[in-house]
């Protein structure tokens, strides 16, 4: 019986290690995602979703759903950005 408890504990521990390594338990985020709708005019990172320009700092509208800044996914969501491009101006950011 003791042996079963030890092996069950080992399985639980191994699972917890796997989750921690994946970032699910620690709350770490995927770094380097494109966060759309958070860049102010002239403050976007390189390129845009529609391909109309390929250079950083070329955004002409604040919070355009076509423009992005690179950041981790958690920060993007906290800033009310989107992980996919969208049409128009981000309605979730107070301007």
Protein backbone atom coordinates (compact mmCIF):
# COMPACT_ATOMS: atom_id res chain seq x y z
CA UNK A 1 0.00 0.00 0.00
CA UNK A 2 2.81 2.40 0.83
CA UNK A 3 4.39 1.65 -2.52
CA UNK A 4 1.19 2.72 -4.33
CA UNK A 5 1.09 6.01 -2.41
CA UNK A 6 4.70 6.74 -3.33
CA UNK A 7 4.19 5.99 -7.01
CA UNK A 8 1.00 8.11 -7.10
CA UNK A 9 2.87 10.96 -5.45
CA UNK A 10 5.66 10.59 -8.00
CA UNK A 11 3.14 10.81 -10.86
CA UNK A 12 1.54 13.94 -9.37
CA UNK A 13 4.97 15.51 -8.82
CA UNK A 14 6.06 14.73 -12.38
CA UNK A 15 2.84 16.25 -13.72
CA UNK A 16 3.35 19.40 -11.66
CA UNK A 17 6.90 19.72 -12.98
CA UNK A 18 5.66 19.38 -16.55
CA UNK A 19 3.02 22.09 -16.00
CA UNK A 20 5.56 24.40 -14.37
CA UNK A 21 7.96 23.89 -17.26
CA UNK A 22 5.21 24.79 -19.72
CA UNK A 23 4.43 28.03 -17.84
CA UNK A 24 0.86 27.00 -16.93
CA UNK A 25 1.50 27.02 -13.19
CA UNK A 26 4.01 29.85 -12.94
CA UNK A 27 1.95 32.30 -14.98
CA UNK A 28 4.74 33.00 -17.44
CA UNK A 29 3.63 34.10 -20.86
CA UNK A 30 4.65 33.42 -24.38
CA UNK A 31 7.09 36.19 -25.27
CA UNK A 32 7.28 37.89 -28.59
CA UNK A 33 3.67 37.77 -29.82
CA UNK A 34 2.25 40.44 -32.09
CA UNK A 35 -0.20 42.50 -30.05
CA UNK A 36 -2.62 44.35 -32.33
CA UNK A 37 -4.47 47.55 -31.50
CA UNK A 38 -2.16 48.92 -28.79
CA UNK A 39 0.36 50.97 -30.78
CA UNK A 40 0.07 54.72 -31.01
CA UNK A 41 0.77 56.42 -34.33
CA UNK A 42 4.47 56.20 -35.08
CA UNK A 43 5.13 53.70 -32.25
CA UNK A 44 4.37 50.36 -33.94
CA UNK A 45 6.93 47.62 -34.43
CA UNK A 46 8.04 46.60 -37.91
CA UNK A 47 5.34 45.94 -40.52
CA UNK A 48 1.59 45.68 -40.33
CA UNK A 49 -1.02 43.00 -41.00
CA UNK A 50 -2.19 44.39 -44.34
CA UNK A 51 1.34 44.71 -45.73
CA UNK A 52 1.00 48.41 -46.58
CA UNK A 53 4.37 49.12 -44.94
CA UNK A 54 7.25 47.09 -43.58
CA UNK A 55 8.92 49.55 -41.22
CA UNK A 56 8.63 50.34 -37.54
CA UNK A 57 7.14 53.70 -36.66
CA UNK A 58 4.98 53.94 -39.79
CA UNK A 59 1.55 53.62 -38.12
CA UNK A 60 -0.58 56.66 -38.94
CA UNK A 61 -3.48 56.02 -36.51
CA UNK A 62 -3.50 55.34 -32.77
CA UNK A 63 -4.60 51.82 -31.75
CA UNK A 64 -5.19 50.52 -35.28
CA UNK A 65 -6.18 46.86 -35.43
CA UNK A 66 -3.77 46.48 -38.34
CA UNK A 67 -0.69 47.66 -36.40
CA UNK A 68 1.17 45.71 -33.72
CA UNK A 69 3.79 45.89 -31.01
CA UNK A 70 5.74 42.84 -29.90
CA UNK A 71 5.24 41.83 -26.26
CA UNK A 72 4.24 38.83 -24.16
CA UNK A 73 0.66 37.61 -24.49
CA UNK A 74 -0.35 38.39 -20.89
CA UNK A 75 0.74 42.02 -21.21
CA UNK A 76 -1.12 42.27 -24.52
CA UNK A 77 -4.38 41.10 -22.96
CA UNK A 78 -3.85 43.37 -19.94
CA UNK A 79 -3.47 46.34 -22.29
CA UNK A 80 -6.72 45.28 -24.05
CA UNK A 81 -4.87 44.37 -27.24
CA UNK A 82 -5.74 41.49 -29.55
CA UNK A 83 -3.55 38.56 -30.61
CA UNK A 84 -5.00 38.66 -34.15
CA UNK A 85 -5.35 41.66 -36.49
CA UNK A 86 -8.77 43.28 -36.78
CA UNK A 87 -10.42 46.06 -38.78
CA UNK A 88 -10.68 49.56 -37.41
CA UNK A 89 -9.50 51.16 -34.19
CA UNK A 90 -9.39 49.24 -30.90
CA UNK A 91 -12.66 50.15 -29.16
CA UNK A 92 -11.44 48.74 -25.81
CA UNK A 93 -8.77 51.42 -25.29
CA UNK A 94 -9.94 54.79 -23.98
CA UNK A 95 -8.60 57.49 -26.23
